[in-house]
Amino acid sequence: MEMGFIGLGGMGEPMARNLIKAGHTLKIYNRTHSRAEALVSHGATLAETAAAACTAGVVATMLADDAAVESVVFGEHGVLEGLPRGGVHISHSTISTNLSRRLVEAHRQREQMFMAAPVFGRPDAAQAARLIVVAAGPPGAVERCHTALEAIGRKLFVIGPDAPAANTVKLAGNFLIASMLETLGEAFALLRKSGVDPANFLEIMVGSFFQSPVYENYGKIIAEQRYEPAGFKLRLGLKDVRLIMAAADEAASPMPIASLIRDNMISGVAQGLGDLDWSAVARVAALKSGLKT
């Protein structure tokens, strides 16, 4: 399939690379052109604007936040302008449910289709095409783009025609991960203050009660205090927790634990930890316990 891909950061670049490996023909755009040029040697075509990346009728975006998506979609020479009638915009970004609804309506007014397909996984999973993809949107758009969605991940879940529902699933999933990071941080701080090696505790837990690669991988990062290089920065984690709380506010669904995590992430950013991995929220728990990092 011929398609465009916009946003070639730590997640977008390997996703685009895997689409090319799977046989898709890509026209790529990135605000920093140097990041896009590396894929040209692999067969991609470089677009000068976001609109120019949309000419094939299908375009995927993988951008950092709501502001970046709004700029690329609604801005001059943006996706809305370049996508032809009947075209499909696939958003892989973690964005607010409010923006997702706006995108549905904006594309509908131009007789285009919008599909939310956020992904679970860190950059290493993106490189290995092992992401979990959660898609929602018009059935025709999902069917048309099915092979592209499968090419970037190990499992695809299609949850229905309402695109914002996929964004809600992504935010709820990130809330569970953030909660895990907070509780691991608190538990490890207790262990360290009690003279117990967190690595031993982790081996017991993931070998018995919490048999999950998420617990194992993040648990090792926190036990080893290995927060660099960041797979997902703490400041972006804070962004996601704020989106979670906004969605909860819209739904009148209290999330007091999310409030706690947000405050601890704000503390982390205030202490200069914002560019570390978001699991560094565990360092906030350690500092509160009087531990040296």
Protein backbone atom coordinates (compact mmCIF):
# COMPACT_ATOMS: atom_id res chain seq x y z
CA MET A 1 0.00 0.00 0.00
CA GLU A 2 1.12 3.54 -0.71
CA MET A 3 0.83 5.79 2.34
CA GLY A 4 2.34 8.72 4.17
CA PHE A 5 4.00 8.71 7.58
CA ILE A 6 4.48 11.86 9.66
CA GLY A 7 6.60 11.98 12.82
CA LEU A 8 9.91 10.14 12.92
CA GLY A 9 10.97 10.31 16.55
CA GLY A 10 12.03 7.46 18.78
CA MET A 11 8.80 5.56 18.10
CA GLY A 12 7.83 6.83 14.65
CA GLU A 13 11.10 6.08 12.89
CA PRO A 14 11.16 2.33 13.67
CA MET A 15 7.42 2.07 12.94
CA ALA A 16 7.98 3.63 9.51
CA ARG A 17 10.96 1.36 8.93
CA ASN A 18 8.84 -1.72 9.66
CA LEU A 19 6.15 -0.55 7.26
CA ILE A 20 8.80 -0.33 4.54
CA LYS A 21 10.09 -3.81 5.46
CA ALA A 22 6.55 -5.13 5.13
CA GLY A 23 6.39 -3.85 1.55
CA HIS A 24 4.50 -0.61 1.99
CA THR A 25 5.57 2.42 -0.06
CA LEU A 26 6.07 5.44 2.19
CA LYS A 27 6.14 9.17 1.65
CA ILE A 28 7.55 10.57 4.90
CA TYR A 29 7.57 13.95 6.61
CA ASN A 30 9.27 15.17 9.75
CA ARG A 31 9.72 18.73 10.96
CA THR A 32 13.44 17.99 11.35
CA HIS A 33 14.28 16.76 7.86
CA SER A 34 17.53 15.10 8.90
CA ARG A 35 15.57 12.42 10.79
CA ALA A 36 13.58 11.65 7.66
CA GLU A 37 16.57 11.41 5.34
CA ALA A 38 17.82 8.20 6.97
CA LEU A 39 14.75 6.35 5.66
CA VAL A 40 15.17 7.60 2.10
CA SER A 41 17.99 5.10 1.57
CA HIS A 42 15.51 2.37 2.55
CA GLY A 43 13.09 3.36 -0.19
CA ALA A 44 10.98 6.11 1.37
CA THR A 45 10.23 9.36 -0.45
CA LEU A 46 10.76 12.62 1.43
CA ALA A 47 7.81 15.05 1.46
CA GLU A 48 8.44 18.76 1.91
CA THR A 49 5.23 19.36 3.86
CA ALA A 50 2.73 17.34 5.89
CA ALA A 51 0.15 17.88 3.14
CA ALA A 52 2.52 16.44 0.54
CA ALA A 53 2.81 13.24 2.59
CA CYS A 54 -0.95 12.67 2.27
CA THR A 55 -1.35 12.41 -1.50
CA ALA A 56 -1.68 8.59 -1.55
CA GLY A 57 -4.90 8.82 0.47
CA VAL A 58 -3.65 7.19 3.69
CA VAL A 59 -1.39 8.89 6.22
CA ALA A 60 -0.23 7.84 9.68
CA THR A 61 0.94 10.28 12.33
CA MET A 62 3.11 9.50 15.36
CA LEU A 63 3.64 12.76 17.25
CA ALA A 64 4.51 13.70 20.82
CA ASP A 65 1.39 15.47 22.08
CA ASP A 66 -1.84 17.29 21.30
CA ALA A 67 -0.06 20.48 20.26
CA ALA A 68 2.12 18.66 17.72
CA VAL A 69 -0.87 16.82 16.26
CA GLU A 70 -2.91 20.02 16.04
CA SER A 71 -0.06 21.81 14.26
CA VAL A 72 0.47 19.06 11.70
CA VAL A 73 -3.24 18.43 11.04
CA PHE A 74 -4.81 21.89 11.23
CA GLY A 75 -1.82 24.04 10.28
CA GLU A 76 -0.88 25.47 6.91
CA HIS A 77 0.00 22.71 4.42
CA GLY A 78 -1.31 20.23 6.97
CA VAL A 79 -3.01 16.86 6.85
CA LEU A 80 -6.53 18.24 6.44
CA GLU A 81 -5.39 20.21 3.44
CA GLY A 82 -3.44 17.42 1.78
CA LEU A 83 -5.59 14.34 2.37
CA PRO A 84 -7.96 13.71 -0.56
CA ARG A 85 -11.67 13.03 -0.23
CA GLY A 86 -12.16 9.50 1.10
CA GLY A 87 -8.67 9.49 2.57
CA VAL A 88 -7.76 8.00 5.94
CA HIS A 89 -5.75 9.61 8.75
CA ILE A 90 -4.38 7.06 11.24
CA SER A 91 -3.25 8.63 14.51
CA HIS A 92 -0.84 6.48 16.52
CA SER A 93 -0.20 9.26 19.05
CA THR A 94 -1.31 9.29 22.67
CA ILE A 95 -3.68 12.26 22.58
CA SER A 96 -6.65 13.58 24.53
CA THR A 97 -10.10 12.19 23.90
CA ASN A 98 -11.23 15.77 23.29
CA LEU A 99 -8.75 16.22 20.42
CA SER A 100 -9.70 12.81 19.04
CA ARG A 101 -13.35 13.92 18.82
CA ARG A 102 -12.28 17.16 17.10
CA LEU A 103 -10.27 15.18 14.55
CA VAL A 104 -13.24 12.91 13.81
CA GLU A 105 -15.41 15.93 13.08
CA ALA A 106 -12.79 17.89 11.13
CA HIS A 107 -12.12 14.94 8.83
CA ARG A 108 -15.83 14.20 8.46
CA GLN A 109 -16.46 17.75 7.26
CA ARG A 110 -13.90 17.21 4.50
CA GLU A 111 -15.30 13.76 3.64
CA GLN A 112 -12.18 12.11 5.04
CA MET A 113 -11.93 9.38 7.70
CA PHE A 114 -10.11 9.43 11.02
CA MET A 115 -8.89 6.34 12.84
CA ALA A 116 -7.24 6.31 16.26
CA ALA A 117 -4.67 3.52 16.56
CA PRO A 118 -2.47 4.28 19.60
CA VAL A 119 0.22 1.78 20.50
CA PHE A 120 1.56 0.19 23.66
CA GLY A 121 5.30 -0.44 23.80
CA ARG A 122 8.68 1.21 24.16
CA PRO A 123 11.13 2.03 21.34
CA ASP A 124 12.72 -1.42 21.47
CA ALA A 125 9.28 -2.97 20.89
CA ALA A 126 8.71 -0.56 18.01
CA GLN A 127 12.02 -1.60 16.44
CA ALA A 128 11.09 -5.27 16.71
CA ALA A 129 7.53 -4.70 15.40
CA ARG A 130 6.24 -5.97 18.75
CA LEU A 131 3.86 -3.14 19.62
CA ILE A 132 0.28 -3.67 20.78
CA VAL A 133 -2.02 -1.68 18.49
CA VAL A 134 -5.51 -0.60 19.60
CA ALA A 135 -7.57 0.69 16.68
CA ALA A 136 -11.01 2.27 16.40
CA GLY A 137 -12.65 4.06 13.51
CA PRO A 138 -14.89 3.58 10.47
CA PRO A 139 -14.95 -0.12 9.49
CA GLY A 140 -14.00 0.71 5.91
CA ALA A 141 -10.93 2.62 7.07
CA VAL A 142 -9.87 -0.18 9.42
CA GLU A 143 -10.23 -2.78 6.68
CA ARG A 144 -8.34 -0.62 4.18
CA CYS A 145 -5.41 -0.10 6.56
CA HIS A 146 -5.40 -3.51 8.26
CA THR A 147 -2.10 -4.69 6.77
CA ALA A 148 -0.35 -1.45 7.78
CA LEU A 149 -1.62 -1.78 11.34
CA GLU A 150 -0.44 -5.39 11.53
CA ALA A 151 3.01 -4.51 10.16
CA ILE A 152 4.01 -2.44 13.19
CA GLY A 153 2.97 -4.75 16.01
CA ARG A 154 2.57 -8.26 17.34
CA LYS A 155 -1.12 -7.91 18.18
CA LEU A 156 -3.92 -5.75 16.80
CA PHE A 157 -7.15 -5.06 18.68
CA VAL A 158 -10.01 -3.42 16.78
CA ILE A 159 -12.52 -2.17 19.33
CA GLY A 160 -15.20 -0.51 17.23
CA PRO A 161 -16.15 2.48 15.08
CA ASP A 162 -15.73 5.23 17.70
CA ALA A 163 -12.16 6.52 17.34
CA PRO A 164 -11.93 8.26 20.77
CA ALA A 165 -12.60 4.90 22.43
CA ALA A 166 -9.13 3.73 21.35
CA ASN A 167 -7.60 6.83 22.93
CA THR A 168 -9.48 6.12 26.17
CA VAL A 169 -8.12 2.55 26.18
CA LYS A 170 -4.59 3.87 25.66
CA LEU A 171 -4.92 6.40 28.48
CA ALA A 172 -6.41 3.81 30.84
CA GLY A 173 -3.57 1.42 29.99
CA ASN A 174 -0.95 4.07 30.62
CA PHE A 175 -2.64 4.80 33.95
CA LEU A 176 -2.14 1.16 34.96
CA ILE A 177 1.54 1.31 33.95
CA ALA A 178 2.07 4.61 35.79
CA SER A 179 0.39 3.15 38.89
CA MET A 180 2.73 0.16 38.69
CA LEU A 181 5.77 2.46 38.48
CA GLU A 182 4.60 4.36 41.55
CA THR A 183 3.95 1.24 43.62
CA LEU A 184 7.23 -0.37 42.59
CA GLY A 185 9.05 2.81 43.58
CA GLU A 186 7.40 2.88 46.99
CA ALA A 187 7.99 -0.85 47.59
CA PHE A 188 11.65 -0.65 46.54
CA ALA A 189 12.22 2.37 48.78
CA LEU A 190 10.86 0.37 51.73
CA LEU A 191 13.08 -2.57 50.84
CA ARG A 192 16.23 -0.49 50.47
CA LYS A 193 15.62 1.25 53.81
CA SER A 194 15.10 -2.18 55.39
CA GLY A 195 18.35 -3.56 53.99
CA VAL A 196 16.72 -5.85 51.41
CA ASP A 197 17.98 -6.06 47.84
CA PRO A 198 15.09 -5.01 45.54
CA ALA A 199 16.41 -7.39 42.87
CA ASN A 200 15.70 -10.38 45.13
CA PHE A 201 12.20 -9.09 45.83
CA LEU A 202 11.60 -8.58 42.11
CA GLU A 203 12.68 -12.14 41.33
CA ILE A 204 10.17 -13.47 43.86
CA MET A 205 7.32 -11.30 42.57
CA VAL A 206 7.72 -11.78 38.81
CA GLY A 207 8.36 -15.48 39.31
CA SER A 208 5.20 -15.95 41.33
CA PHE A 209 2.49 -13.29 41.53
CA PHE A 210 3.25 -10.75 38.81
CA GLN A 211 4.37 -12.80 35.81
CA SER A 212 4.40 -9.99 33.28
CA PRO A 213 7.11 -8.57 31.00
CA VAL A 214 5.95 -5.07 31.99
CA TYR A 215 6.61 -5.76 35.68
CA GLU A 216 9.85 -7.55 34.91
CA ASN A 217 11.29 -4.94 32.55
CA TYR A 218 10.31 -1.86 34.52
CA GLY A 219 11.13 -3.59 37.78
CA LYS A 220 14.70 -4.18 36.59
CA ILE A 221 15.05 -0.56 35.49
CA ILE A 222 13.94 0.68 38.90
CA ALA A 223 15.92 -1.89 40.89
CA GLU A 224 19.08 -0.93 38.96
CA GLN A 225 18.12 2.80 38.92
CA ARG A 226 18.81 2.70 35.17
CA TYR A 227 16.73 5.66 34.01
CA GLU A 228 18.89 6.62 31.03
CA PRO A 229 18.53 6.44 28.12
CA ALA A 230 14.83 7.16 28.45
CA GLY A 231 12.46 4.94 26.51
CA PHE A 232 9.66 7.33 27.43
CA LYS A 233 10.53 10.55 29.24
CA LEU A 234 9.06 11.45 32.61
CA ARG A 235 7.78 14.78 31.28
CA LEU A 236 5.82 12.88 28.61
CA GLY A 237 4.51 10.53 31.27
CA LEU A 238 3.27 13.58 33.16
CA LYS A 239 1.56 14.73 29.96
CA ASP A 240 -0.23 11.39 29.70
CA VAL A 241 -1.34 11.42 33.35
CA ARG A 242 -2.80 14.87 32.79
CA LEU A 243 -4.68 13.53 29.76
CA ILE A 244 -5.95 10.64 31.89
CA MET A 245 -7.25 13.09 34.48
CA ALA A 246 -8.90 15.24 31.81
CA ALA A 247 -10.69 12.16 30.42
CA ALA A 248 -11.75 11.21 33.95
CA ASP A 249 -13.07 14.72 34.53
CA GLU A 250 -15.12 14.58 31.31
CA ALA A 251 -16.57 11.21 32.35
CA ALA A 252 -17.15 12.31 35.98
CA SER A 253 -15.04 9.33 37.06
CA PRO A 254 -12.82 10.05 40.10
CA MET A 255 -9.21 8.83 39.83
CA PRO A 256 -7.49 9.78 43.11
CA ILE A 257 -4.45 7.60 42.42
CA ALA A 258 -3.90 9.47 39.15
CA SER A 259 -3.82 12.71 41.17
CA LEU A 260 -1.11 11.27 43.43
CA ILE A 261 0.98 10.10 40.48
CA ARG A 262 0.62 13.47 38.77
CA ASP A 263 1.90 15.28 41.85
CA ASN A 264 4.87 12.93 42.19
CA MET A 265 5.72 13.34 38.51
CA ILE A 266 5.53 17.11 38.90
CA SER A 267 7.98 16.76 41.81
CA GLY A 268 10.27 14.72 39.59
CA VAL A 269 10.22 17.30 36.80
CA ALA A 270 10.81 20.08 39.35
CA GLN A 271 13.88 18.20 40.60
CA GLY A 272 15.35 17.94 37.10
CA LEU A 273 14.26 14.38 36.31
CA GLY A 274 12.00 15.28 33.39
CA ASP A 275 14.27 13.88 30.68
CA LEU A 276 14.84 10.58 32.49
CA ASP A 277 12.65 7.55 31.82
CA TRP A 278 9.19 7.93 33.31
CA SER A 279 10.00 5.06 35.68
CA ALA A 280 12.15 7.67 37.46
CA VAL A 281 8.99 8.55 39.37
CA ALA A 282 10.37 5.78 41.61
CA ARG A 283 13.31 8.07 42.37
CA VAL A 284 10.84 10.57 43.82
CA ALA A 285 9.65 7.90 46.25
CA ALA A 286 13.26 7.13 47.16
CA LEU A 287 14.08 10.79 47.78
CA LYS A 288 10.98 11.20 49.95
CA SER A 289 12.26 8.25 51.99
CA GLY A 290 15.58 9.98 52.56
CA LEU A 291 17.51 7.60 50.33
CA LYS A 292 20.46 8.69 48.28
CA THR A 293 20.11 7.85 44.59
